[in-house]
């Protein structure tokens, strides 16, 4: 569903599993840090709101969005969390770089989900301009970090039912 029809921060809290026994890694791109920092705050606040203990949330910074893949994979292997959340922001520019980065990160997270035994949550904003990024990182369309955290809790709960 298009974000213009759905606020990224709206959800029914009654449908969210308790996260008090879950561990999370949040991998955050330093590129566009004003945006990704807001995404990270939204994700961490939401995890805590649903019971995750602050000491069970590890935040790791990587230089850019493309590096989210390696950061997520390494965090999963070293920290053994119940879910990994990748947060980044790529703003379209005048070169094809946007397409390559977005495609690479999308494929990388899809591959991690297919090969690993925990969920990797794709929290990459892919926007045409900074205004759209602001709108989706706590602005008028909510916060993609909140959406990523809710997805992480639900998917970790799903994965834990099979362990």
C-alpha atoms as a PDB file:
ATOM      1  CA  UNK A   1       0.000   0.000   0.000  1.00  0.00           C
ATOM      2  CA  UNK A   2       1.311   3.445  -0.849  1.00  0.00           C
ATOM      3  CA  UNK A   3       2.540   5.435   2.142  1.00  0.00           C
ATOM      4  CA  UNK A   4       0.287   8.324   1.165  1.00  0.00           C
ATOM      5  CA  UNK A   5      -2.659   6.078   2.107  1.00  0.00           C
ATOM      6  CA  UNK A   6      -1.132   4.491   5.197  1.00  0.00           C
ATOM      7  CA  UNK A   7       0.721   6.037   8.138  1.00  0.00           C
ATOM      8  CA  UNK A   8       3.865   4.014   8.855  1.00  0.00           C
ATOM      9  CA  UNK A   9       3.414   4.425  12.623  1.00  0.00           C
ATOM     10  CA  UNK A  10      -0.217   3.308  12.883  1.00  0.00           C
ATOM     11  CA  UNK A  11      -0.918  -0.206  14.103  1.00  0.00           C
ATOM     12  CA  UNK A  12      -3.082  -2.080  16.590  1.00  0.00           C
ATOM     13  CA  UNK A  13      -0.886  -2.519  19.680  1.00  0.00           C
ATOM     14  CA  UNK A  14      -3.103  -5.382  20.848  1.00  0.00           C
ATOM     15  CA  UNK A  15      -1.879  -7.492  17.923  1.00  0.00           C
ATOM     16  CA  UNK A  16       1.812  -7.159  18.794  1.00  0.00           C
ATOM     17  CA  UNK A  17       3.492 -10.027  20.677  1.00  0.00           C
ATOM     18  CA  UNK A  18       5.363  -9.369  23.902  1.00  0.00           C
ATOM     19  CA  UNK A  19       9.026  -8.671  23.115  1.00  0.00           C
ATOM     20  CA  UNK A  20      10.349  -8.958  26.673  1.00  0.00           C
ATOM     21  CA  UNK A  21      12.353 -12.122  25.954  1.00  0.00           C
ATOM     22  CA  UNK A  22      13.550 -11.057  22.506  1.00  0.00           C
ATOM     23  CA  UNK A  23      16.919  -9.680  21.427  1.00  0.00           C
ATOM     24  CA  UNK A  24      17.350  -7.290  18.500  1.00  0.00           C
ATOM     25  CA  UNK A  25      20.171  -5.838  16.443  1.00  0.00           C
ATOM     26  CA  UNK A  26      19.453  -2.522  14.733  1.00  0.00           C
ATOM     27  CA  UNK A  27      21.921  -1.721  11.950  1.00  0.00           C
ATOM     28  CA  UNK A  28      21.808   1.936  10.924  1.00  0.00           C
ATOM     29  CA  UNK A  29      23.377   3.729   7.969  1.00  0.00           C
ATOM     30  CA  UNK A  30      25.321   6.869   8.870  1.00  0.00           C
ATOM     31  CA  UNK A  31      24.542   8.342   5.439  1.00  0.00           C
ATOM     32  CA  UNK A  32      21.635  10.787   5.838  1.00  0.00           C
ATOM     33  CA  UNK A  33      22.035  10.422   9.620  1.00  0.00           C
ATOM     34  CA  UNK A  34      19.393  13.035  10.416  1.00  0.00           C
ATOM     35  CA  UNK A  35      16.896  10.687   8.766  1.00  0.00           C
ATOM     36  CA  UNK A  36      18.351   7.332   9.811  1.00  0.00           C
ATOM     37  CA  UNK A  37      18.810   8.538  13.398  1.00  0.00           C
ATOM     38  CA  UNK A  38      15.098   9.339  13.547  1.00  0.00           C
ATOM     39  CA  UNK A  39      14.322   5.903  12.091  1.00  0.00           C
ATOM     40  CA  UNK A  40      16.533   4.298  14.739  1.00  0.00           C
ATOM     41  CA  UNK A  41      14.865   6.244  17.548  1.00  0.00           C
ATOM     42  CA  UNK A  42      11.440   5.194  16.260  1.00  0.00           C
ATOM     43  CA  UNK A  43      12.491   1.550  16.068  1.00  0.00           C
ATOM     44  CA  UNK A  44      14.142   1.408  19.492  1.00  0.00           C
ATOM     45  CA  UNK A  45      11.312   3.277  21.224  1.00  0.00           C
ATOM     46  CA  UNK A  46       8.789   0.892  19.661  1.00  0.00           C
ATOM     47  CA  UNK A  47      10.744  -2.217  20.661  1.00  0.00           C
ATOM     48  CA  UNK A  48      10.890  -0.956  24.252  1.00  0.00           C
ATOM     49  CA  UNK A  49       7.208   0.008  24.185  1.00  0.00           C
ATOM     50  CA  UNK A  50       6.412  -3.631  23.441  1.00  0.00           C
ATOM     51  CA  UNK A  51       8.570  -5.046  26.205  1.00  0.00           C
ATOM     52  CA  UNK A  52      12.082  -5.347  24.794  1.00  0.00           C
ATOM     53  CA  UNK A  53      14.697  -4.569  27.402  1.00  0.00           C
ATOM     54  CA  UNK A  54      17.116  -1.784  26.399  1.00  0.00           C
ATOM     55  CA  UNK A  55      20.052  -4.094  27.133  1.00  0.00           C
ATOM     56  CA  UNK A  56      18.630  -6.540  24.553  1.00  0.00           C
ATOM     57  CA  UNK A  57      18.761  -3.948  21.760  1.00  0.00           C
ATOM     58  CA  UNK A  58      22.136  -3.436  20.112  1.00  0.00           C
ATOM     59  CA  UNK A  59      22.510  -0.511  17.707  1.00  0.00           C
ATOM     60  CA  UNK A  60      25.321  -0.720  15.158  1.00  0.00           C
ATOM     61  CA  UNK A  61      26.269   2.015  12.690  1.00  0.00           C
ATOM     62  CA  UNK A  62      27.652   1.386   9.213  1.00  0.00           C
ATOM     63  CA  UNK A  63      28.851   4.036   6.727  1.00  0.00           C
ATOM     64  CA  UNK A  64      26.107   3.723   4.112  1.00  0.00           C
ATOM     65  CA  UNK A  65      23.025   1.819   3.063  1.00  0.00           C
ATOM     66  CA  UNK A  66      24.917  -0.693   0.933  1.00  0.00           C
ATOM     67  CA  UNK A  67      26.903  -1.661   4.034  1.00  0.00           C
ATOM     68  CA  UNK A  68      23.683  -2.588   5.846  1.00  0.00           C
ATOM     69  CA  UNK A  69      23.927  -6.061   4.309  1.00  0.00           C
ATOM     70  CA  UNK A  70      27.340  -6.874   5.780  1.00  0.00           C
ATOM     71  CA  UNK A  71      26.452  -5.156   9.049  1.00  0.00           C
ATOM     72  CA  UNK A  72      23.256  -7.183   9.356  1.00  0.00           C
ATOM     73  CA  UNK A  73      24.956 -10.468   8.527  1.00  0.00           C
ATOM     74  CA  UNK A  74      27.785  -9.831  10.976  1.00  0.00           C
ATOM     75  CA  UNK A  75      25.398  -8.732  13.725  1.00  0.00           C
ATOM     76  CA  UNK A  76      23.378 -11.916  13.258  1.00  0.00           C
ATOM     77  CA  UNK A  77      26.458 -14.142  13.509  1.00  0.00           C
ATOM     78  CA  UNK A  78      28.152 -12.362  16.405  1.00  0.00           C
ATOM     79  CA  UNK A  79      25.171 -11.271  18.505  1.00  0.00           C
ATOM     80  CA  UNK A  80      22.654 -14.050  17.741  1.00  0.00           C
ATOM     81  CA  UNK A  81      19.601 -11.761  18.059  1.00  0.00           C
ATOM     82  CA  UNK A  82      16.059 -12.911  17.370  1.00  0.00           C
ATOM     83  CA  UNK A  83      15.791 -10.374  14.525  1.00  0.00           C
ATOM     84  CA  UNK A  84      17.964  -7.827  12.736  1.00  0.00           C
ATOM     85  CA  UNK A  85      16.557  -4.498  11.571  1.00  0.00           C
ATOM     86  CA  UNK A  86      18.369  -2.622   8.786  1.00  0.00           C
ATOM     87  CA  UNK A  87      17.657   1.118   8.586  1.00  0.00           C
ATOM     88  CA  UNK A  88      18.847   3.381   5.798  1.00  0.00           C
ATOM     89  CA  UNK A  89      17.836   6.182   3.488  1.00  0.00           C
ATOM     90  CA  UNK A  90      18.708   6.546  -0.178  1.00  0.00           C
ATOM     91  CA  UNK A  91      17.558   9.718  -1.917  1.00  0.00           C
ATOM     92  CA  UNK A  92      17.332   9.733  -5.703  1.00  0.00           C
ATOM     93  CA  UNK A  93      19.921  11.910  -7.367  1.00  0.00           C
ATOM     94  CA  UNK A  94      20.923  12.705 -10.906  1.00  0.00           C
ATOM     95  CA  UNK A  95      22.876   9.484 -11.499  1.00  0.00           C
ATOM     96  CA  UNK A  96      21.949   5.777 -11.573  1.00  0.00           C
ATOM     97  CA  UNK A  97      23.717   5.282  -8.211  1.00  0.00           C
ATOM     98  CA  UNK A  98      20.301   5.326  -6.465  1.00  0.00           C
ATOM     99  CA  UNK A  99      19.093   2.364  -8.532  1.00  0.00           C
ATOM    100  CA  UNK A 100      22.221   0.297  -7.887  1.00  0.00           C
ATOM    101  CA  UNK A 101      22.238   0.883  -4.142  1.00  0.00           C
ATOM    102  CA  UNK A 102      18.510   0.264  -3.708  1.00  0.00           C
ATOM    103  CA  UNK A 103      18.613  -2.881  -5.825  1.00  0.00           C
ATOM    104  CA  UNK A 104      21.697  -4.213  -4.073  1.00  0.00           C
ATOM    105  CA  UNK A 105      20.350  -3.669  -0.572  1.00  0.00           C
ATOM    106  CA  UNK A 106      16.988  -5.173  -1.508  1.00  0.00           C
ATOM    107  CA  UNK A 107      18.629  -8.262  -2.997  1.00  0.00           C
ATOM    108  CA  UNK A 108      21.038  -8.538  -0.070  1.00  0.00           C
ATOM    109  CA  UNK A 109      18.278  -8.534   2.528  1.00  0.00           C
ATOM    110  CA  UNK A 110      16.225 -10.986   0.468  1.00  0.00           C
ATOM    111  CA  UNK A 111      19.225 -13.313   0.341  1.00  0.00           C
ATOM    112  CA  UNK A 112      19.822 -13.025   4.093  1.00  0.00           C
ATOM    113  CA  UNK A 113      16.181 -13.907   4.752  1.00  0.00           C
ATOM    114  CA  UNK A 114      16.378 -16.901   2.424  1.00  0.00           C
ATOM    115  CA  UNK A 115      19.621 -18.276   3.859  1.00  0.00           C
ATOM    116  CA  UNK A 116      19.617 -17.475   7.574  1.00  0.00           C
ATOM    117  CA  UNK A 117      17.439 -18.737  10.402  1.00  0.00           C
ATOM    118  CA  UNK A 118      16.359 -15.360  11.795  1.00  0.00           C
ATOM    119  CA  UNK A 119      14.409 -12.533  10.159  1.00  0.00           C
ATOM    120  CA  UNK A 120      16.180  -9.569   8.597  1.00  0.00           C
ATOM    121  CA  UNK A 121      13.878  -6.562   8.418  1.00  0.00           C
ATOM    122  CA  UNK A 122      14.220  -4.202   5.463  1.00  0.00           C
ATOM    123  CA  UNK A 123      13.851  -0.636   6.730  1.00  0.00           C
ATOM    124  CA  UNK A 124      15.343   1.235   3.794  1.00  0.00           C
ATOM    125  CA  UNK A 125      13.703   4.481   2.739  1.00  0.00           C
ATOM    126  CA  UNK A 126      13.988   4.959  -1.024  1.00  0.00           C
ATOM    127  CA  UNK A 127      12.752   8.443  -1.775  1.00  0.00           C
ATOM    128  CA  UNK A 128      12.828  10.998  -4.553  1.00  0.00           C
ATOM    129  CA  UNK A 129      13.827  13.887  -2.258  1.00  0.00           C
ATOM    130  CA  UNK A 130      14.637  14.823   1.327  1.00  0.00           C
ATOM    131  CA  UNK A 131      11.106  16.043   1.987  1.00  0.00           C
ATOM    132  CA  UNK A 132       9.784  12.517   1.373  1.00  0.00           C
ATOM    133  CA  UNK A 133      12.485  11.154   3.681  1.00  0.00           C
ATOM    134  CA  UNK A 134      11.496  13.560   6.452  1.00  0.00           C
ATOM    135  CA  UNK A 135       7.826  12.711   5.946  1.00  0.00           C
ATOM    136  CA  UNK A 136       8.633   8.996   6.463  1.00  0.00           C
ATOM    137  CA  UNK A 137      11.037   9.326   9.391  1.00  0.00           C
ATOM    138  CA  UNK A 138       8.660  10.885  11.884  1.00  0.00           C
ATOM    139  CA  UNK A 139       6.864  13.395   9.687  1.00  0.00           C
ATOM    140  CA  UNK A 140       3.371  13.421   8.241  1.00  0.00           C
ATOM    141  CA  UNK A 141       3.518   9.783   7.086  1.00  0.00           C
ATOM    142  CA  UNK A 142       4.839   8.412  10.384  1.00  0.00           C
ATOM    143  CA  UNK A 143       8.122   6.629  10.937  1.00  0.00           C
ATOM    144  CA  UNK A 144       9.409   3.665   8.918  1.00  0.00           C
ATOM    145  CA  UNK A 145      11.500   2.727  11.973  1.00  0.00           C
ATOM    146  CA  UNK A 146       8.305   2.072  13.935  1.00  0.00           C
ATOM    147  CA  UNK A 147       7.007  -0.118  11.116  1.00  0.00           C
ATOM    148  CA  UNK A 148      10.319  -2.015  10.966  1.00  0.00           C
ATOM    149  CA  UNK A 149      10.266  -2.643  14.737  1.00  0.00           C
ATOM    150  CA  UNK A 150       6.716  -3.982  14.644  1.00  0.00           C
ATOM    151  CA  UNK A 151       7.678  -6.258  11.764  1.00  0.00           C
ATOM    152  CA  UNK A 152      10.768  -7.424  13.675  1.00  0.00           C
ATOM    153  CA  UNK A 153       8.723  -8.327  16.763  1.00  0.00           C
ATOM    154  CA  UNK A 154       6.121 -10.192  14.734  1.00  0.00           C
ATOM    155  CA  UNK A 155       8.688 -12.063  12.644  1.00  0.00           C
ATOM    156  CA  UNK A 156      10.887 -12.907  15.660  1.00  0.00           C
ATOM    157  CA  UNK A 157       7.796 -14.274  17.388  1.00  0.00           C
ATOM    158  CA  UNK A 158       7.003 -16.300  14.259  1.00  0.00           C
ATOM    159  CA  UNK A 159      10.561 -17.658  14.044  1.00  0.00           C
ATOM    160  CA  UNK A 160      10.658 -18.509  17.747  1.00  0.00           C
ATOM    161  CA  UNK A 161       7.578 -20.723  17.386  1.00  0.00           C
ATOM    162  CA  UNK A 162       9.681 -23.080  15.228  1.00  0.00           C
ATOM    163  CA  UNK A 163      12.729 -23.326  17.515  1.00  0.00           C
END
